[in-house]
Structure formats: C-alpha cells, structure tokens
Amino acid sequence: SEIIEMCDGNLSLAEAKSRNQFIIDAVKLYDCVLHKDVNTNLLTPAFE
C-alpha cells in the first residue's frame, strides 16, 4: 500500500495521467538505469 500511495502522490509530479502510466514510466526509467552503459537515451540529452 505504501508503493501505491507513492505512485498516487507523485502522479502530477511525473505528469502521468494514471497510476498505470506512472508505473509504465517508472519501469522504463528503471530499465534505462539498469542498462545505462548501453542505453544513453535517459541521461545524454539532458546532460547535453
């Protein structure tokens, strides 16, 4: 329940329309973090 509350509390901050979208975005972000050596889609544009 604390994870669900965390998702719901951060919907507007993450600009997600639903809890489902928030979880999708979170999983994609975590995937980028796990593959940061081969996937620069997350950090490179922001750093540039």
All heavy atoms as atom14 arrays in JSON, in Angstrom:
{
  "sequence": "SEIIEMCDGNLSLAEAKSRNQFIIDAVKLYDCVLHKDVNTNLLTPAFE",
  "atom14_mask": [
    [1, 1, 1, 1, 1, 1, 0, 0, 0, 0, 0, 0, 0, 0],
    [1, 1, 1, 1, 1, 1, 1, 1, 1, 0, 0, 0, 0, 0],
    [1, 1, 1, 1, 1, 1, 1, 1, 0, 0, 0, 0, 0, 0],
    [1, 1, 1, 1, 1, 1, 1, 1, 0, 0, 0, 0, 0, 0],
    [1, 1, 1, 1, 1, 1, 1, 1, 1, 0, 0, 0, 0, 0],
    [1, 1, 1, 1, 1, 1, 1, 1, 0, 0, 0, 0, 0, 0],
    [1, 1, 1, 1, 1, 1, 0, 0, 0, 0, 0, 0, 0, 0],
    [1, 1, 1, 1, 1, 1, 1, 1, 0, 0, 0, 0, 0, 0],
    [1, 1, 1, 1, 0, 0, 0, 0, 0, 0, 0, 0, 0, 0],
    [1, 1, 1, 1, 1, 1, 1, 1, 0, 0, 0, 0, 0, 0],
    [1, 1, 1, 1, 1, 1, 1, 1, 0, 0, 0, 0, 0, 0],
    [1, 1, 1, 1, 1, 1, 0, 0, 0, 0, 0, 0, 0, 0],
    [1, 1, 1, 1, 1, 1, 1, 1, 0, 0, 0, 0, 0, 0],
    [1, 1, 1, 1, 1, 0, 0, 0, 0, 0, 0, 0, 0, 0],
    [1, 1, 1, 1, 1, 1, 1, 1, 1, 0, 0, 0, 0, 0],
    [1, 1, 1, 1, 1, 0, 0, 0, 0, 0, 0, 0, 0, 0],
    [1, 1, 1, 1, 1, 1, 1, 1, 1, 0, 0, 0, 0, 0],
    [1, 1, 1, 1, 1, 1, 0, 0, 0, 0, 0, 0, 0, 0],
    [1, 1, 1, 1, 1, 1, 1, 1, 1, 1, 1, 0, 0, 0],
    [1, 1, 1, 1, 1, 1, 1, 1, 0, 0, 0, 0, 0, 0],
    [1, 1, 1, 1, 1, 1, 1, 1, 1, 0, 0, 0, 0, 0],
    [1, 1, 1, 1, 1, 1, 1, 1, 1, 1, 1, 0, 0, 0],
    [1, 1, 1, 1, 1, 1, 1, 1, 0, 0, 0, 0, 0, 0],
    [1, 1, 1, 1, 1, 1, 1, 1, 0, 0, 0, 0, 0, 0],
    [1, 1, 1, 1, 1, 1, 1, 1, 0, 0, 0, 0, 0, 0],
    [1, 1, 1, 1, 1, 0, 0, 0, 0, 0, 0, 0, 0, 0],
    [1, 1, 1, 1, 1, 1, 1, 0, 0, 0, 0, 0, 0, 0],
    [1, 1, 1, 1, 1, 1, 1, 1, 1, 0, 0, 0, 0, 0],
    [1, 1, 1, 1, 1, 1, 1, 1, 0, 0, 0, 0, 0, 0],
    [1, 1, 1, 1, 1, 1, 1, 1, 1, 1, 1, 1, 0, 0],
    [1, 1, 1, 1, 1, 1, 1, 1, 0, 0, 0, 0, 0, 0],
    [1, 1, 1, 1, 1, 1, 0, 0, 0, 0, 0, 0, 0, 0],
    [1, 1, 1, 1, 1, 1, 1, 0, 0, 0, 0, 0, 0, 0],
    [1, 1, 1, 1, 1, 1, 1, 1, 0, 0, 0, 0, 0, 0],
    [1, 1, 1, 1, 1, 1, 1, 1, 1, 1, 0, 0, 0, 0],
    [1, 1, 1, 1, 1, 1, 1, 1, 1, 0, 0, 0, 0, 0],
    [1, 1, 1, 1, 1, 1, 1, 1, 0, 0, 0, 0, 0, 0],
    [1, 1, 1, 1, 1, 1, 1, 0, 0, 0, 0, 0, 0, 0],
    [1, 1, 1, 1, 1, 1, 1, 1, 0, 0, 0, 0, 0, 0],
    [1, 1, 1, 1, 1, 1, 1, 0, 0, 0, 0, 0, 0, 0],
    [1, 1, 1, 1, 1, 1, 1, 1, 0, 0, 0, 0, 0, 0],
    [1, 1, 1, 1, 1, 1, 1, 1, 0, 0, 0, 0, 0, 0],
    [1, 1, 1, 1, 1, 1, 1, 1, 0, 0, 0, 0, 0, 0],
    [1, 1, 1, 1, 1, 1, 1, 0, 0, 0, 0, 0, 0, 0],
    [1, 1, 1, 1, 1, 1, 1, 0, 0, 0, 0, 0, 0, 0],
    [1, 1, 1, 1, 1, 0, 0, 0, 0, 0, 0, 0, 0, 0],
    [1, 1, 1, 1, 1, 1, 1, 1, 1, 1, 1, 0, 0, 0],
    [1, 1, 1, 1, 1, 1, 1, 1, 1, 0, 0, 0, 0, 0]
  ],
  "atom14_positions": [
    [[0.82, -1.21, 0.0], [0.0, 0.0, 0.0], [0.85, 1.27, 0.0], [0.47, 2.28, -0.58], [-0.97, 0.0, 1.18], [-0.27, -0.14, 2.39], [0.0, 0.0, 0.0], [0.0, 0.0, 0.0], [0.0, 0.0, 0.0], [0.0, 0.0, 0.0], [0.0, 0.0, 0.0], [0.0, 0.0, 0.0], [0.0, 0.0, 0.0], [0.0, 0.0, 0.0]],
    [[2.03, 1.24, 0.61], [2.89, 2.43, 0.61], [3.4, 2.75, -0.8], [3.56, 3.92, -1.16], [4.07, 2.26, 1.57], [5.04, 1.18, 1.15], [5.61, 0.4, 2.32], [4.98, 0.35, 3.38], [6.69, -0.17, 2.14], [0.0, 0.0, 0.0], [0.0, 0.0, 0.0], [0.0, 0.0, 0.0], [0.0, 0.0, 0.0], [0.0, 0.0, 0.0]],
    [[3.62, 1.73, -1.63], [4.04, 1.96, -3.02], [2.88, 2.55, -3.82], [3.08, 3.47, -4.62], [4.55, 0.65, -3.67], [5.78, 0.12, -2.93], [4.86, 0.86, -5.15], [7.01, 1.0, -2.99], [0.0, 0.0, 0.0], [0.0, 0.0, 0.0], [0.0, 0.0, 0.0], [0.0, 0.0, 0.0], [0.0, 0.0, 0.0], [0.0, 0.0, 0.0]],
    [[1.7, 2.07, -3.59], [0.52, 2.61, -4.28], [0.32, 4.07, -3.88], [0.06, 4.93, -4.74], [-0.74, 1.77, -3.95], [-0.59, 0.36, -4.55], [-2.0, 2.45, -4.49], [-1.66, -0.61, -4.12], [0.0, 0.0, 0.0], [0.0, 0.0, 0.0], [0.0, 0.0, 0.0], [0.0, 0.0, 0.0], [0.0, 0.0, 0.0], [0.0, 0.0, 0.0]],
    [[0.48, 4.38, -2.6], [0.37, 5.77, -2.15], [1.46, 6.64, -2.77], [1.23, 7.79, -3.14], [0.45, 5.83, -0.62], [-0.76, 5.24, 0.08], [-0.58, 5.12, 1.59], [0.4, 5.71, 2.12], [-1.39, 4.44, 2.22], [0.0, 0.0, 0.0], [0.0, 0.0, 0.0], [0.0, 0.0, 0.0], [0.0, 0.0, 0.0], [0.0, 0.0, 0.0]],
    [[2.65, 6.08, -2.89], [3.76, 6.81, -3.51], [3.42, 7.12, -4.98], [3.64, 8.23, -5.44], [5.03, 5.96, -3.43], [6.29, 6.7, -3.85], [7.77, 5.63, -3.88], [7.76, 4.9, -2.26], [0.0, 0.0, 0.0], [0.0, 0.0, 0.0], [0.0, 0.0, 0.0], [0.0, 0.0, 0.0], [0.0, 0.0, 0.0], [0.0, 0.0, 0.0]],
    [[2.91, 6.13, -5.67], [2.51, 6.34, -7.07], [1.44, 7.43, -7.17], [1.56, 8.35, -7.97], [1.97, 5.04, -7.67], [3.18, 3.75, -7.9], [0.0, 0.0, 0.0], [0.0, 0.0, 0.0], [0.0, 0.0, 0.0], [0.0, 0.0, 0.0], [0.0, 0.0, 0.0], [0.0, 0.0, 0.0], [0.0, 0.0, 0.0], [0.0, 0.0, 0.0]],
    [[0.41, 7.3, -6.38], [-0.7, 8.26, -6.43], [-0.24, 9.66, -6.04], [-0.68, 10.65, -6.62], [-1.84, 7.8, -5.52], [-2.52, 6.53, -6.03], [-2.33, 6.19, -7.21], [-3.23, 5.89, -5.24], [0.0, 0.0, 0.0], [0.0, 0.0, 0.0], [0.0, 0.0, 0.0], [0.0, 0.0, 0.0], [0.0, 0.0, 0.0], [0.0, 0.0, 0.0]],
    [[0.65, 9.75, -5.08], [1.13, 11.05, -4.62], [2.03, 11.75, -5.62], [2.22, 12.97, -5.55], [0.0, 0.0, 0.0], [0.0, 0.0, 0.0], [0.0, 0.0, 0.0], [0.0, 0.0, 0.0], [0.0, 0.0, 0.0], [0.0, 0.0, 0.0], [0.0, 0.0, 0.0], [0.0, 0.0, 0.0], [0.0, 0.0, 0.0], [0.0, 0.0, 0.0]],
    [[2.62, 11.0, -6.53], [3.57, 11.58, -7.49], [3.03, 11.66, -8.91], [3.79, 11.98, -9.83], [4.87, 10.78, -7.48], [5.66, 10.97, -6.21], [5.86, 12.1, -5.78], [6.09, 9.88, -5.6], [0.0, 0.0, 0.0], [0.0, 0.0, 0.0], [0.0, 0.0, 0.0], [0.0, 0.0, 0.0], [0.0, 0.0, 0.0], [0.0, 0.0, 0.0]],
    [[1.75, 11.41, -9.1], [1.18, 11.43, -10.45], [1.39, 12.79, -11.12], [1.84, 12.86, -12.27], [-0.31, 11.08, -10.42], [-0.66, 9.62, -10.17], [-2.18, 9.43, -10.1], [-0.08, 8.72, -11.24], [0.0, 0.0, 0.0], [0.0, 0.0, 0.0], [0.0, 0.0, 0.0], [0.0, 0.0, 0.0], [0.0, 0.0, 0.0], [0.0, 0.0, 0.0]],
    [[1.05, 13.85, -10.43], [1.16, 15.18, -11.04], [2.63, 15.56, -11.25], [2.97, 16.17, -12.27], [0.46, 16.23, -10.19], [1.05, 16.3, -8.92], [0.0, 0.0, 0.0], [0.0, 0.0, 0.0], [0.0, 0.0, 0.0], [0.0, 0.0, 0.0], [0.0, 0.0, 0.0], [0.0, 0.0, 0.0], [0.0, 0.0, 0.0], [0.0, 0.0, 0.0]],
    [[3.5, 15.19, -10.32], [4.91, 15.49, -10.46], [5.51, 14.78, -11.67], [6.34, 15.35, -12.39], [5.65, 15.08, -9.18], [7.13, 15.4, -9.09], [7.34, 16.91, -9.15], [7.71, 14.84, -7.81], [0.0, 0.0, 0.0], [0.0, 0.0, 0.0], [0.0, 0.0, 0.0], [0.0, 0.0, 0.0], [0.0, 0.0, 0.0], [0.0, 0.0, 0.0]],
    [[5.09, 13.56, -11.9], [5.59, 12.78, -13.03], [4.82, 13.06, -14.32], [5.14, 12.5, -15.36], [5.51, 11.28, -12.7], [0.0, 0.0, 0.0], [0.0, 0.0, 0.0], [0.0, 0.0, 0.0], [0.0, 0.0, 0.0], [0.0, 0.0, 0.0], [0.0, 0.0, 0.0], [0.0, 0.0, 0.0], [0.0, 0.0, 0.0], [0.0, 0.0, 0.0]],
    [[3.81, 13.92, -14.23], [2.96, 14.25, -15.37], [2.34, 12.99, -15.99], [2.22, 12.87, -17.21], [3.73, 15.05, -16.41], [4.22, 16.39, -15.9], [5.05, 17.17, -16.9], [5.2, 16.71, -18.06], [5.52, 18.24, -16.53], [0.0, 0.0, 0.0], [0.0, 0.0, 0.0], [0.0, 0.0, 0.0], [0.0, 0.0, 0.0], [0.0, 0.0, 0.0]],
    [[1.95, 12.07, -15.13], [1.3, 10.84, -15.56], [-0.21, 11.0, -15.38], [-0.68, 11.6, -14.41], [1.8, 9.65, -14.74], [0.0, 0.0, 0.0], [0.0, 0.0, 0.0], [0.0, 0.0, 0.0], [0.0, 0.0, 0.0], [0.0, 0.0, 0.0], [0.0, 0.0, 0.0], [0.0, 0.0, 0.0], [0.0, 0.0, 0.0], [0.0, 0.0, 0.0]],
    [[-0.97, 10.47, -16.33], [-2.42, 10.6, -16.28], [-3.07, 9.57, -15.36], [-4.19, 9.75, -14.91], [-3.0, 10.47, -17.68], [-2.56, 11.59, -18.61], [-3.09, 11.39, -20.01], [-2.56, 12.5, -20.92], [-2.93, 12.28, -22.3], [0.0, 0.0, 0.0], [0.0, 0.0, 0.0], [0.0, 0.0, 0.0], [0.0, 0.0, 0.0], [0.0, 0.0, 0.0]],
    [[-2.35, 8.5, -15.09], [-2.91, 7.45, -14.25], [-1.79, 6.72, -13.52], [-0.62, 6.87, -13.86], [-3.68, 6.44, -15.13], [-2.79, 5.78, -16.01], [0.0, 0.0, 0.0], [0.0, 0.0, 0.0], [0.0, 0.0, 0.0], [0.0, 0.0, 0.0], [0.0, 0.0, 0.0], [0.0, 0.0, 0.0], [0.0, 0.0, 0.0], [0.0, 0.0, 0.0]],
    [[-2.22, 5.91, -12.55], [-1.26, 5.09, -11.81], [-0.57, 4.13, -12.78], [0.63, 3.89, -12.7], [-1.98, 4.31, -10.72], [-1.05, 3.51, -9.84], [-1.79, 2.62, -8.86], [-2.63, 3.42, -7.98], [-3.73, 2.95, -7.38], [-4.12, 1.7, -7.58], [-4.44, 3.71, -6.58], [0.0, 0.0, 0.0], [0.0, 0.0, 0.0], [0.0, 0.0, 0.0]],
    [[-1.31, 3.62, -13.72], [-0.79, 2.7, -14.71], [0.33, 3.37, -15.52], [1.4, 2.78, -15.73], [-1.92, 2.24, -15.64], [-1.48, 1.12, -16.55], [-1.11, 0.05, -16.09], [-1.52, 1.38, -17.84], [0.0, 0.0, 0.0], [0.0, 0.0, 0.0], [0.0, 0.0, 0.0], [0.0, 0.0, 0.0], [0.0, 0.0, 0.0], [0.0, 0.0, 0.0]],
    [[0.08, 4.6, -15.97], [1.09, 5.33, -16.75], [2.32, 5.62, -15.89], [3.44, 5.53, -16.36], [0.51, 6.64, -17.29], [1.46, 7.39, -18.21], [1.82, 6.58, -19.45], [0.94, 6.04, -20.11], [3.11, 6.49, -19.75], [0.0, 0.0, 0.0], [0.0, 0.0, 0.0], [0.0, 0.0, 0.0], [0.0, 0.0, 0.0], [0.0, 0.0, 0.0]],
    [[2.1, 5.94, -14.63], [3.21, 6.19, -13.71], [4.09, 4.94, -13.59], [5.31, 5.03, -13.66], [2.67, 6.58, -12.33], [3.74, 6.91, -11.33], [4.25, 8.19, -11.23], [4.24, 5.93, -10.49], [5.24, 8.5, -10.3], [5.23, 6.21, -9.57], [5.74, 7.51, -9.47], [0.0, 0.0, 0.0], [0.0, 0.0, 0.0], [0.0, 0.0, 0.0]],
    [[3.48, 3.78, -13.43], [4.23, 2.53, -13.28], [4.97, 2.2, -14.58], [6.13, 1.78, -14.55], [3.3, 1.39, -12.83], [2.83, 1.66, -11.39], [4.0, 0.04, -12.93], [1.75, 0.72, -10.9], [0.0, 0.0, 0.0], [0.0, 0.0, 0.0], [0.0, 0.0, 0.0], [0.0, 0.0, 0.0], [0.0, 0.0, 0.0], [0.0, 0.0, 0.0]],
    [[4.33, 2.44, -15.73], [4.99, 2.2, -17.02], [6.24, 3.07, -17.13], [7.32, 2.59, -17.49], [4.02, 2.46, -18.19], [2.94, 1.38, -18.25], [4.77, 2.54, -19.52], [1.82, 1.69, -19.23], [0.0, 0.0, 0.0], [0.0, 0.0, 0.0], [0.0, 0.0, 0.0], [0.0, 0.0, 0.0], [0.0, 0.0, 0.0], [0.0, 0.0, 0.0]],
    [[6.08, 4.37, -16.82], [7.22, 5.29, -16.9], [8.32, 4.9, -15.91], [9.51, 4.97, -16.23], [6.77, 6.72, -16.63], [5.88, 7.27, -17.73], [5.84, 6.68, -18.83], [5.21, 8.3, -17.48], [0.0, 0.0, 0.0], [0.0, 0.0, 0.0], [0.0, 0.0, 0.0], [0.0, 0.0, 0.0], [0.0, 0.0, 0.0], [0.0, 0.0, 0.0]],
    [[7.92, 4.47, -14.71], [8.9, 4.07, -13.7], [9.67, 2.83, -14.14], [10.89, 2.76, -13.96], [8.2, 3.82, -12.36], [0.0, 0.0, 0.0], [0.0, 0.0, 0.0], [0.0, 0.0, 0.0], [0.0, 0.0, 0.0], [0.0, 0.0, 0.0], [0.0, 0.0, 0.0], [0.0, 0.0, 0.0], [0.0, 0.0, 0.0], [0.0, 0.0, 0.0]],
    [[9.0, 1.89, -14.75], [9.67, 0.67, -15.22], [10.63, 1.0, -16.36], [11.76, 0.5, -16.41], [8.63, -0.4, -15.65], [9.31, -1.56, -16.37], [7.87, -0.91, -14.44], [0.0, 0.0, 0.0], [0.0, 0.0, 0.0], [0.0, 0.0, 0.0], [0.0, 0.0, 0.0], [0.0, 0.0, 0.0], [0.0, 0.0, 0.0], [0.0, 0.0, 0.0]],
    [[10.21, 1.9, -17.26], [11.1, 2.31, -18.36], [12.34, 3.02, -17.81], [13.45, 2.79, -18.28], [10.36, 3.22, -19.33], [9.38, 2.49, -20.22], [8.69, 3.48, -21.15], [7.69, 2.79, -22.05], [6.99, 3.76, -22.93], [0.0, 0.0, 0.0], [0.0, 0.0, 0.0], [0.0, 0.0, 0.0], [0.0, 0.0, 0.0], [0.0, 0.0, 0.0]],
    [[12.13, 3.88, -16.84], [13.25, 4.59, -16.23], [14.21, 3.61, -15.55], [15.43, 3.7, -15.71], [12.74, 5.61, -15.21], [13.81, 6.37, -14.44], [14.63, 7.26, -15.37], [13.19, 7.19, -13.33], [0.0, 0.0, 0.0], [0.0, 0.0, 0.0], [0.0, 0.0, 0.0], [0.0, 0.0, 0.0], [0.0, 0.0, 0.0], [0.0, 0.0, 0.0]],
    [[13.66, 2.67, -14.81], [14.49, 1.69, -14.13], [15.26, 0.83, -15.13], [16.43, 0.51, -14.93], [13.65, 0.82, -13.19], [14.48, -0.09, -12.32], [15.42, 0.44, -11.42], [14.36, -1.47, -12.39], [16.19, -0.38, -10.64], [15.14, -2.3, -11.6], [16.05, -1.75, -10.72], [16.83, -2.56, -9.94], [0.0, 0.0, 0.0], [0.0, 0.0, 0.0]],
    [[14.62, 0.51, -16.25], [15.29, -0.24, -17.31], [16.47, 0.56, -17.87], [17.54, 0.02, -18.1], [14.31, -0.59, -18.43], [14.94, -1.43, -19.51], [15.35, -2.58, -19.21], [15.07, -0.93, -20.65], [0.0, 0.0, 0.0], [0.0, 0.0, 0.0], [0.0, 0.0, 0.0], [0.0, 0.0, 0.0], [0.0, 0.0, 0.0], [0.0, 0.0, 0.0]],
    [[16.27, 1.86, -18.06], [17.36, 2.72, -18.54], [18.5, 2.75, -17.54], [19.68, 2.71, -17.93], [16.86, 4.13, -18.79], [15.84, 4.3, -20.26], [0.0, 0.0, 0.0], [0.0, 0.0, 0.0], [0.0, 0.0, 0.0], [0.0, 0.0, 0.0], [0.0, 0.0, 0.0], [0.0, 0.0, 0.0], [0.0, 0.0, 0.0], [0.0, 0.0, 0.0]],
    [[18.17, 2.82, -16.26], [19.2, 2.84, -15.22], [19.98, 1.54, -15.23], [21.22, 1.53, -15.14], [18.59, 3.1, -13.83], [19.6, 2.88, -12.72], [18.01, 4.51, -13.76], [0.0, 0.0, 0.0], [0.0, 0.0, 0.0], [0.0, 0.0, 0.0], [0.0, 0.0, 0.0], [0.0, 0.0, 0.0], [0.0, 0.0, 0.0], [0.0, 0.0, 0.0]],
    [[19.3, 0.42, -15.35], [19.97, -0.87, -15.37], [20.88, -1.03, -16.59], [21.9, -1.7, -16.53], [18.94, -2.01, -15.35], [18.17, -2.19, -14.04], [17.1, -3.27, -14.22], [19.1, -2.56, -12.9], [0.0, 0.0, 0.0], [0.0, 0.0, 0.0], [0.0, 0.0, 0.0], [0.0, 0.0, 0.0], [0.0, 0.0, 0.0], [0.0, 0.0, 0.0]],
    [[20.5, -0.42, -17.69], [21.26, -0.55, -18.94], [21.97, 0.75, -19.3], [22.16, 1.06, -20.48], [20.32, -0.97, -20.08], [19.71, -2.31, -19.87], [18.44, -2.46, -19.34], [20.19, -3.56, -20.06], [18.17, -3.74, -19.24], [19.2, -4.43, -19.66], [0.0, 0.0, 0.0], [0.0, 0.0, 0.0], [0.0, 0.0, 0.0], [0.0, 0.0, 0.0]],
    [[22.37, 1.51, -18.32], [22.94, 2.84, -18.57], [24.2, 2.8, -19.41], [24.52, 3.75, -20.1], [23.19, 3.57, -17.26], [24.26, 2.98, -16.38], [24.39, 3.75, -15.09], [25.38, 3.12, -14.16], [24.89, 1.96, -13.45], [0.0, 0.0, 0.0], [0.0, 0.0, 0.0], [0.0, 0.0, 0.0], [0.0, 0.0, 0.0], [0.0, 0.0, 0.0]],
    [[24.96, 1.71, -19.37], [26.18, 1.63, -20.16], [25.89, 1.52, -21.65], [26.66, 2.02, -22.47], [27.02, 0.42, -19.73], [27.56, 0.59, -18.31], [27.69, 1.75, -17.87], [27.82, -0.43, -17.66], [0.0, 0.0, 0.0], [0.0, 0.0, 0.0], [0.0, 0.0, 0.0], [0.0, 0.0, 0.0], [0.0, 0.0, 0.0], [0.0, 0.0, 0.0]],
    [[24.79, 0.89, -22.0], [24.46, 0.72, -23.42], [23.32, 1.62, -23.87], [23.11, 1.82, -25.05], [24.11, -0.75, -23.74], [25.34, -1.63, -23.59], [22.97, -1.25, -22.89], [0.0, 0.0, 0.0], [0.0, 0.0, 0.0], [0.0, 0.0, 0.0], [0.0, 0.0, 0.0], [0.0, 0.0, 0.0], [0.0, 0.0, 0.0], [0.0, 0.0, 0.0]],
    [[22.56, 2.16, -22.94], [21.41, 2.99, -23.29], [21.62, 4.4, -22.76], [21.55, 4.64, -21.58], [20.13, 2.38, -22.69], [18.89, 3.11, -23.12], [18.96, 4.08, -23.85], [17.76, 2.63, -22.68], [0.0, 0.0, 0.0], [0.0, 0.0, 0.0], [0.0, 0.0, 0.0], [0.0, 0.0, 0.0], [0.0, 0.0, 0.0], [0.0, 0.0, 0.0]],
    [[21.85, 5.33, -23.65], [22.09, 6.71, -23.25], [20.87, 7.59, -23.49], [20.96, 8.8, -23.43], [23.29, 7.29, -24.01], [23.03, 7.2, -25.4], [24.57, 6.55, -23.65], [0.0, 0.0, 0.0], [0.0, 0.0, 0.0], [0.0, 0.0, 0.0], [0.0, 0.0, 0.0], [0.0, 0.0, 0.0], [0.0, 0.0, 0.0], [0.0, 0.0, 0.0]],
    [[19.73, 7.0, -23.75], [18.52, 7.77, -24.03], [18.06, 8.58, -22.82], [17.42, 9.61, -22.96], [17.38, 6.85, -24.45], [17.63, 6.23, -25.8], [18.37, 6.78, -26.61], [17.04, 5.08, -26.05], [0.0, 0.0, 0.0], [0.0, 0.0, 0.0], [0.0, 0.0, 0.0], [0.0, 0.0, 0.0], [0.0, 0.0, 0.0], [0.0, 0.0, 0.0]],
    [[18.39, 8.13, -21.63], [17.92, 8.79, -20.42], [18.73, 10.02, -20.07], [18.2, 11.09, -19.88], [17.95, 7.8, -19.26], [17.64, 8.37, -17.87], [16.2, 8.83, -17.83], [17.91, 7.33, -16.81], [0.0, 0.0, 0.0], [0.0, 0.0, 0.0], [0.0, 0.0, 0.0], [0.0, 0.0, 0.0], [0.0, 0.0, 0.0], [0.0, 0.0, 0.0]],
    [[20.05, 9.89, -19.99], [20.87, 10.95, -19.46], [21.52, 11.85, -20.5], [21.66, 13.04, -20.28], [21.97, 10.34, -18.57], [21.45, 9.56, -17.37], [22.61, 8.93, -16.61], [20.65, 10.45, -16.45], [0.0, 0.0, 0.0], [0.0, 0.0, 0.0], [0.0, 0.0, 0.0], [0.0, 0.0, 0.0], [0.0, 0.0, 0.0], [0.0, 0.0, 0.0]],
    [[21.91, 11.3, -21.64], [22.68, 12.07, -22.61], [21.97, 13.34, -23.06], [22.57, 14.41, -23.03], [23.08, 11.19, -23.79], [23.83, 10.09, -23.3], [23.92, 11.96, -24.78], [0.0, 0.0, 0.0], [0.0, 0.0, 0.0], [0.0, 0.0, 0.0], [0.0, 0.0, 0.0], [0.0, 0.0, 0.0], [0.0, 0.0, 0.0], [0.0, 0.0, 0.0]],
    [[20.72, 13.3, -23.49], [20.09, 14.55, -23.94], [19.99, 15.59, -22.83], [20.23, 16.78, -23.08], [18.69, 14.11, -24.4], [18.82, 12.66, -24.7], [19.86, 12.15, -23.76], [0.0, 0.0, 0.0], [0.0, 0.0, 0.0], [0.0, 0.0, 0.0], [0.0, 0.0, 0.0], [0.0, 0.0, 0.0], [0.0, 0.0, 0.0], [0.0, 0.0, 0.0]],
    [[19.7, 15.16, -21.63], [19.6, 16.11, -20.52], [20.97, 16.74, -20.22], [21.06, 17.95, -20.04], [19.07, 15.4, -19.28], [0.0, 0.0, 0.0], [0.0, 0.0, 0.0], [0.0, 0.0, 0.0], [0.0, 0.0, 0.0], [0.0, 0.0, 0.0], [0.0, 0.0, 0.0], [0.0, 0.0, 0.0], [0.0, 0.0, 0.0], [0.0, 0.0, 0.0]],
    [[22.01, 15.93, -20.18], [23.35, 16.46, -19.94], [23.79, 17.39, -21.06], [24.4, 18.41, -20.82], [24.37, 15.34, -19.76], [24.34, 14.7, -18.4], [24.48, 13.33, -18.25], [24.17, 15.47, -17.26], [24.45, 12.75, -17.0], [24.15, 14.89, -16.0], [24.29, 13.53, -15.87], [0.0, 0.0, 0.0], [0.0, 0.0, 0.0], [0.0, 0.0, 0.0]],
    [[23.52, 16.99, -22.3], [23.9, 17.82, -23.44], [23.23, 19.19, -23.35], [23.86, 20.22, -23.6], [23.52, 17.15, -24.75], [24.44, 16.01, -25.14], [24.0, 15.32, -26.42], [22.98, 15.73, -27.01], [24.69, 14.38, -26.82], [0.0, 0.0, 0.0], [0.0, 0.0, 0.0], [0.0, 0.0, 0.0], [0.0, 0.0, 0.0], [0.0, 0.0, 0.0]]
  ]
}
